Amino acid sequence: MNITIFGHGNLATAVGKNFELAGNTVQYITHEKV
């Protein structure tokens, strides 16, 4: 499953890591302009 997480703080990173460990693809979306 593809998981999209808005933001990239400590909490978002921890949640994303749990999804990655479960075998999901995690994409982070931040408000920063690249």
Protein backbone atom coordinates (compact mmCIF):
# COMPACT_ATOMS: atom_id res chain seq x y z
CA MET A 1 0.00 0.00 0.00
CA ASN A 2 1.16 3.54 -0.72
CA ILE A 3 1.08 5.79 2.31
CA THR A 4 1.29 9.57 2.02
CA ILE A 5 2.32 11.52 5.11
CA PHE A 6 1.94 15.29 5.24
CA GLY A 7 4.79 16.97 7.05
CA HIS A 8 8.17 15.62 8.07
CA GLY A 9 8.49 16.19 11.82
CA ASN A 10 9.57 13.66 14.43
CA LEU A 11 6.05 12.25 14.74
CA ALA A 12 5.60 11.95 10.98
CA THR A 13 8.95 10.17 10.70
CA ALA A 14 8.04 7.71 13.46
CA VAL A 15 4.67 6.94 11.89
CA GLY A 16 6.24 6.58 8.45
CA LYS A 17 8.86 4.17 9.80
CA ASN A 18 6.13 1.94 11.21
CA PHE A 19 4.42 1.82 7.80
CA GLU A 20 7.75 1.05 6.10
CA LEU A 21 8.39 -1.81 8.52
CA ALA A 22 4.97 -3.19 7.58
CA GLY A 23 6.05 -3.27 3.94
CA ASN A 24 4.32 -0.14 2.69
CA THR A 25 5.68 2.57 0.43
CA VAL A 26 5.82 5.87 2.28
CA GLN A 27 5.89 9.26 0.57
CA TYR A 28 6.39 12.45 2.55
CA ILE A 29 4.77 15.69 1.42
CA THR A 30 6.07 18.91 2.92
CA HIS A 31 5.30 22.55 2.29
CA GLU A 32 8.90 23.24 1.33
CA LYS A 33 9.53 24.32 -2.24
CA VAL A 34 12.23 22.28 -3.92
